[in-house]
N, C-alpha and C. Protein backbone atom coordinates (compact mmCIF):
# COMPACT_ATOMS: atom_id res chain seq x y z
N MET A 1 -18.28 19.80 -3.62
CA MET A 1 -16.73 20.47 -3.28
C MET A 1 -16.08 19.75 -4.99
N ARG A 2 -15.47 20.65 -5.13
CA ARG A 2 -14.81 20.11 -6.74
C ARG A 2 -13.35 19.74 -6.14
N ILE A 3 -12.73 18.57 -6.56
CA ILE A 3 -11.73 18.26 -6.25
C ILE A 3 -10.70 18.84 -7.34
N ALA A 4 -9.36 19.04 -7.20
CA ALA A 4 -8.27 19.30 -8.14
C ALA A 4 -8.39 17.93 -9.09
N PRO A 5 -7.93 18.28 -10.32
CA PRO A 5 -7.80 17.09 -11.49
C PRO A 5 -6.81 16.03 -10.58
N SER A 6 -5.43 16.42 -10.30
CA SER A 6 -4.27 15.63 -10.05
C SER A 6 -4.57 14.72 -8.61
N ILE A 7 -5.79 15.42 -7.77
CA ILE A 7 -6.03 14.52 -6.82
C ILE A 7 -6.96 13.67 -7.47
N ALA A 8 -8.30 13.88 -8.33
CA ALA A 8 -8.97 12.92 -8.93
C ALA A 8 -8.14 12.20 -9.84
N ARG A 9 -7.32 12.22 -10.26
CA ARG A 9 -6.71 11.22 -11.03
C ARG A 9 -6.18 10.07 -10.30
N VAL A 10 -5.77 10.42 -8.81
CA VAL A 10 -5.14 9.54 -7.80
C VAL A 10 -6.23 8.59 -7.42
N LEU A 11 -7.49 9.27 -7.11
CA LEU A 11 -8.40 8.59 -6.62
C LEU A 11 -9.12 7.42 -7.72
N ARG A 12 -8.82 7.61 -8.77
CA ARG A 12 -9.43 6.62 -9.59
C ARG A 12 -8.82 5.34 -9.41
N PRO A 13 -9.77 4.16 -9.49
CA PRO A 13 -8.99 2.70 -9.14
C PRO A 13 -7.77 2.81 -10.26
N PRO A 14 -6.81 2.13 -9.76
CA PRO A 14 -5.68 1.78 -10.69
C PRO A 14 -6.16 0.65 -11.65
N ALA A 15 -5.30 0.82 -12.96
CA ALA A 15 -5.51 -0.04 -14.20
C ALA A 15 -4.94 -1.34 -13.49
N ALA A 16 -5.49 -2.44 -14.06
CA ALA A 16 -4.93 -3.93 -13.39
C ALA A 16 -3.54 -4.26 -14.17
N GLY A 17 -2.69 -4.70 -13.41
CA GLY A 17 -1.28 -5.31 -14.15
C GLY A 17 -0.15 -4.51 -13.86
N ALA A 18 1.03 -4.44 -14.84
CA ALA A 18 2.02 -3.82 -14.50
C ALA A 18 2.08 -2.28 -14.69
N GLY A 19 0.67 -1.76 -14.96
CA GLY A 19 0.57 0.17 -15.19
C GLY A 19 0.14 0.65 -13.55
N ALA A 20 -0.45 -0.50 -13.00
CA ALA A 20 -0.68 0.01 -11.34
C ALA A 20 0.72 -0.04 -10.74
N ARG A 21 1.69 -0.76 -11.06
CA ARG A 21 2.77 -1.01 -10.49
C ARG A 21 3.71 0.62 -10.59
N TRP A 22 3.41 1.06 -11.94
CA TRP A 22 4.31 2.37 -12.34
C TRP A 22 3.69 3.49 -11.83
N ILE A 23 2.43 3.26 -11.45
CA ILE A 23 1.73 4.62 -11.08
C ILE A 23 2.08 4.84 -9.42
N ALA A 24 2.19 3.39 -8.68
CA ALA A 24 2.48 3.29 -7.19
C ALA A 24 3.74 3.66 -7.19
N LEU A 25 4.99 3.66 -8.18
CA LEU A 25 6.23 3.89 -7.89
C LEU A 25 6.23 5.41 -8.07
N GLY A 26 5.89 6.09 -9.18
CA GLY A 26 5.71 7.08 -9.26
C GLY A 26 5.22 8.04 -8.25
N MET A 27 3.79 7.47 -7.48
CA MET A 27 3.78 8.23 -6.28
C MET A 27 4.78 8.14 -5.34
N ALA A 28 5.54 7.32 -5.21
CA ALA A 28 6.30 7.05 -4.23
C ALA A 28 7.60 7.91 -4.42
N GLY A 29 7.70 7.89 -5.90
CA GLY A 29 8.92 8.85 -6.43
C GLY A 29 8.40 10.32 -6.36
N LEU A 30 7.16 10.74 -6.11
CA LEU A 30 6.87 12.28 -5.84
C LEU A 30 6.99 12.51 -4.65
N ALA A 31 7.20 11.71 -3.45
CA ALA A 31 7.32 12.11 -1.96
C ALA A 31 8.43 12.16 -1.75
N VAL A 32 9.18 11.30 -2.27
CA VAL A 32 11.12 11.17 -2.55
C VAL A 32 11.46 12.10 -2.52
N TRP A 33 10.83 13.19 -3.90
CA TRP A 33 11.51 14.57 -4.73
C TRP A 33 10.83 15.63 -3.59
N SER A 34 10.15 15.30 -3.03
CA SER A 34 9.56 16.41 -2.15
C SER A 34 10.41 16.70 -0.80
N VAL A 35 11.07 15.62 -0.34
CA VAL A 35 11.60 15.80 0.55
C VAL A 35 13.34 16.06 -0.18
N ALA A 36 13.80 15.49 -1.06
CA ALA A 36 14.93 15.57 -1.57
C ALA A 36 15.56 16.99 -1.72
N MET A 37 14.66 17.58 -2.59
CA MET A 37 14.90 19.13 -3.46
C MET A 37 14.98 19.61 -2.38
N PRO A 38 14.37 20.08 -1.68
CA PRO A 38 14.52 20.98 -0.52
C PRO A 38 15.82 20.99 0.26
N THR A 39 16.29 19.57 0.58
CA THR A 39 17.22 19.39 1.30
C THR A 39 18.55 19.53 0.56
N LEU A 40 18.52 19.04 -0.92
CA LEU A 40 19.62 19.49 -1.78
C LEU A 40 20.03 20.87 -1.63
N LEU A 41 18.76 21.60 -1.84
CA LEU A 41 18.80 23.14 -1.90
C LEU A 41 19.56 24.02 -1.00
N GLY A 42 19.09 23.08 0.31
CA GLY A 42 19.68 23.71 1.35
C GLY A 42 21.06 23.81 1.70
N ALA A 43 21.36 22.28 1.11
CA ALA A 43 22.71 21.90 1.20
C ALA A 43 23.78 22.94 0.24
N ALA A 44 22.94 23.00 -0.60
CA ALA A 44 23.87 23.86 -1.67
C ALA A 44 23.64 25.26 -1.23
N LEU A 45 22.60 26.00 -0.85
CA LEU A 45 22.87 27.23 -0.47
C LEU A 45 23.96 27.60 0.85
N GLY A 46 23.72 26.51 1.56
CA GLY A 46 25.15 26.57 3.01
C GLY A 46 26.30 26.16 2.31
N LEU A 47 26.63 25.41 1.21
CA LEU A 47 27.59 25.43 0.73
C LEU A 47 28.31 26.98 0.71
N TRP A 48 27.91 27.43 -0.44
CA TRP A 48 27.70 28.63 -0.69
C TRP A 48 27.93 29.95 0.10
N LEU A 49 27.35 29.57 1.28
CA LEU A 49 27.60 30.87 2.53
C LEU A 49 28.57 30.61 3.25
N ASP A 50 29.03 29.16 3.47
CA ASP A 50 30.18 28.84 4.14
C ASP A 50 31.53 29.12 3.00
N GLU A 51 31.52 29.14 2.11
CA GLU A 51 32.56 29.91 1.07
C GLU A 51 32.51 31.17 1.29
N SER A 52 31.41 31.87 1.17
CA SER A 52 31.27 33.52 1.29
C SER A 52 31.69 34.02 2.51
N TRP A 53 31.05 33.54 3.27
CA TRP A 53 31.26 34.21 4.81
C TRP A 53 31.50 33.14 5.92
N PRO A 54 32.61 32.78 6.12
CA PRO A 54 32.96 31.88 6.99
C PRO A 54 32.68 32.37 8.33
N ARG A 55 32.00 31.22 8.89
CA ARG A 55 31.67 31.71 10.39
C ARG A 55 32.00 30.49 11.46
N THR A 56 32.00 30.56 12.11
CA THR A 56 32.62 29.28 13.78
C THR A 56 31.19 28.32 13.52
N HIS A 57 30.09 28.46 12.96
CA HIS A 57 29.32 27.42 12.75
C HIS A 57 28.83 26.98 11.22
N SER A 58 28.35 25.96 11.24
CA SER A 58 28.40 25.36 9.71
C SER A 58 26.93 25.98 9.22
N TRP A 59 27.05 26.59 7.90
CA TRP A 59 25.79 27.17 7.10
C TRP A 59 25.48 25.80 6.51
N THR A 60 26.13 24.85 6.17
CA THR A 60 25.79 23.35 5.18
C THR A 60 24.98 22.67 6.26
N LEU A 61 25.39 22.46 7.30
CA LEU A 61 24.80 21.48 8.32
C LEU A 61 23.15 22.05 8.62
N LEU A 62 23.12 23.59 9.28
CA LEU A 62 21.94 24.17 9.28
C LEU A 62 21.25 24.17 8.66
N LEU A 63 21.38 24.44 7.12
CA LEU A 63 20.68 24.35 5.81
C LEU A 63 20.23 23.07 5.42
N LEU A 64 21.05 22.40 5.57
CA LEU A 64 20.24 21.09 5.48
C LEU A 64 19.47 20.27 5.88
N LEU A 65 19.85 20.65 7.59
CA LEU A 65 18.74 20.25 8.34
C LEU A 65 17.31 20.76 8.02
N ALA A 66 17.33 22.09 7.71
CA ALA A 66 16.15 22.92 7.59
C ALA A 66 15.40 22.67 6.41
N GLY A 67 16.49 22.13 5.63
CA GLY A 67 15.73 21.62 4.19
C GLY A 67 15.04 20.51 4.02
N LEU A 68 15.87 19.34 5.02
CA LEU A 68 15.29 18.44 5.28
C LEU A 68 13.81 18.14 6.05
N ALA A 69 13.83 19.26 7.02
CA ALA A 69 12.42 19.52 7.70
C ALA A 69 11.41 20.13 6.99
N LEU A 70 12.07 21.14 6.24
CA LEU A 70 10.87 21.67 5.24
C LEU A 70 10.08 20.61 4.30
N GLY A 71 11.23 19.72 3.84
CA GLY A 71 10.57 18.42 2.75
C GLY A 71 10.13 17.38 3.68
N ALA A 72 10.27 17.18 4.80
CA ALA A 72 9.19 16.48 5.60
C ALA A 72 8.21 17.06 5.76
N LEU A 73 7.83 18.27 6.25
CA LEU A 73 6.66 18.81 6.38
C LEU A 73 5.94 19.00 5.03
N ASN A 74 6.73 19.31 3.71
CA ASN A 74 5.82 19.11 2.83
C ASN A 74 5.27 17.85 1.99
N ALA A 75 6.01 16.91 2.25
CA ALA A 75 5.42 15.25 2.16
C ALA A 75 4.22 15.10 3.02
N TRP A 76 4.75 15.56 4.30
CA TRP A 76 3.51 15.08 5.25
C TRP A 76 2.09 15.86 4.66
N HIS A 77 2.04 17.04 4.48
CA HIS A 77 1.12 18.09 4.28
C HIS A 77 0.36 17.35 3.14
N TRP A 78 1.17 16.77 1.98
CA TRP A 78 1.01 16.19 0.59
C TRP A 78 -0.03 15.01 0.87
N ARG A 79 0.40 14.33 1.44
CA ARG A 79 -0.11 13.14 2.21
C ARG A 79 -1.43 13.26 2.71
N LEU A 80 -1.26 14.17 4.00
CA LEU A 80 -2.70 14.52 4.50
C LEU A 80 -3.55 15.15 3.45
N CYS A 81 -3.20 15.75 2.69
CA CYS A 81 -4.42 16.38 1.25
C CYS A 81 -5.11 15.32 0.69
N GLN A 82 -3.87 14.44 0.46
CA GLN A 82 -4.54 12.82 -0.28
C GLN A 82 -5.23 12.18 0.67
N ARG A 83 -5.05 12.26 1.68
CA ARG A 83 -6.14 11.28 2.65
C ARG A 83 -7.36 12.03 2.92
N ARG A 84 -7.41 13.32 2.94
CA ARG A 84 -8.55 13.96 3.03
C ARG A 84 -9.81 13.65 1.54
N ALA A 85 -8.95 13.90 0.61
CA ALA A 85 -9.66 13.62 -0.62
C ALA A 85 -9.89 12.36 -0.59
N MET A 86 -9.35 11.51 -0.49
CA MET A 86 -9.86 9.97 -0.27
C MET A 86 -10.86 9.69 0.06
N HIS A 87 -10.88 10.06 1.64
CA HIS A 87 -12.24 10.09 2.40
C HIS A 87 -13.35 11.12 2.47
N ALA A 88 -13.16 11.82 1.16
CA ALA A 88 -14.41 12.84 1.42
C ALA A 88 -15.42 12.21 -0.10
N GLY A 89 -15.51 11.46 -0.27
CA GLY A 89 -15.96 10.72 -1.57
C GLY A 89 -15.86 10.94 -2.94
N PRO A 90 -16.46 10.37 -3.49
CA PRO A 90 -16.24 10.76 -4.80
C PRO A 90 -16.58 11.93 -5.56
N PRO A 91 -15.79 12.73 -6.30
CA PRO A 91 -15.82 14.01 -6.67
C PRO A 91 -17.26 13.99 -7.30
N ARG A 92 -18.03 15.76 -7.46
CA ARG A 92 -18.89 15.75 -7.78
C ARG A 92 -18.70 17.31 -8.84
N ASP A 93 -19.56 16.93 -9.99
CA ASP A 93 -19.80 17.88 -11.01
C ASP A 93 -20.16 19.18 -10.66
N ASP A 94 -21.20 19.06 -9.67
CA ASP A 94 -22.34 20.23 -9.75
C ASP A 94 -22.11 21.54 -8.85
N ASP A 95 -20.70 21.30 -8.24
CA ASP A 95 -20.35 22.39 -7.62
C ASP A 95 -19.61 23.67 -8.53
């Protein structure tokens, strides 16, 4: 089984020193953005819908929560794939 290059990069042992901290910070930032972007996009779409078609319920709140849930599922799925790749063993080039 061949592992995607982005996952193979994560599986390499981190460099010693300050570089490892930046790698960890980058990975945390990736998880934050995978939740923040769908949430913000949902809120923006909800604001536009509230302005265009006013209703008794708030599109903004509904789509903000939907974006948050979608982002959380996205981050969970990404983390699950990372965990599977880490426990699958070293990448092989014979596949």
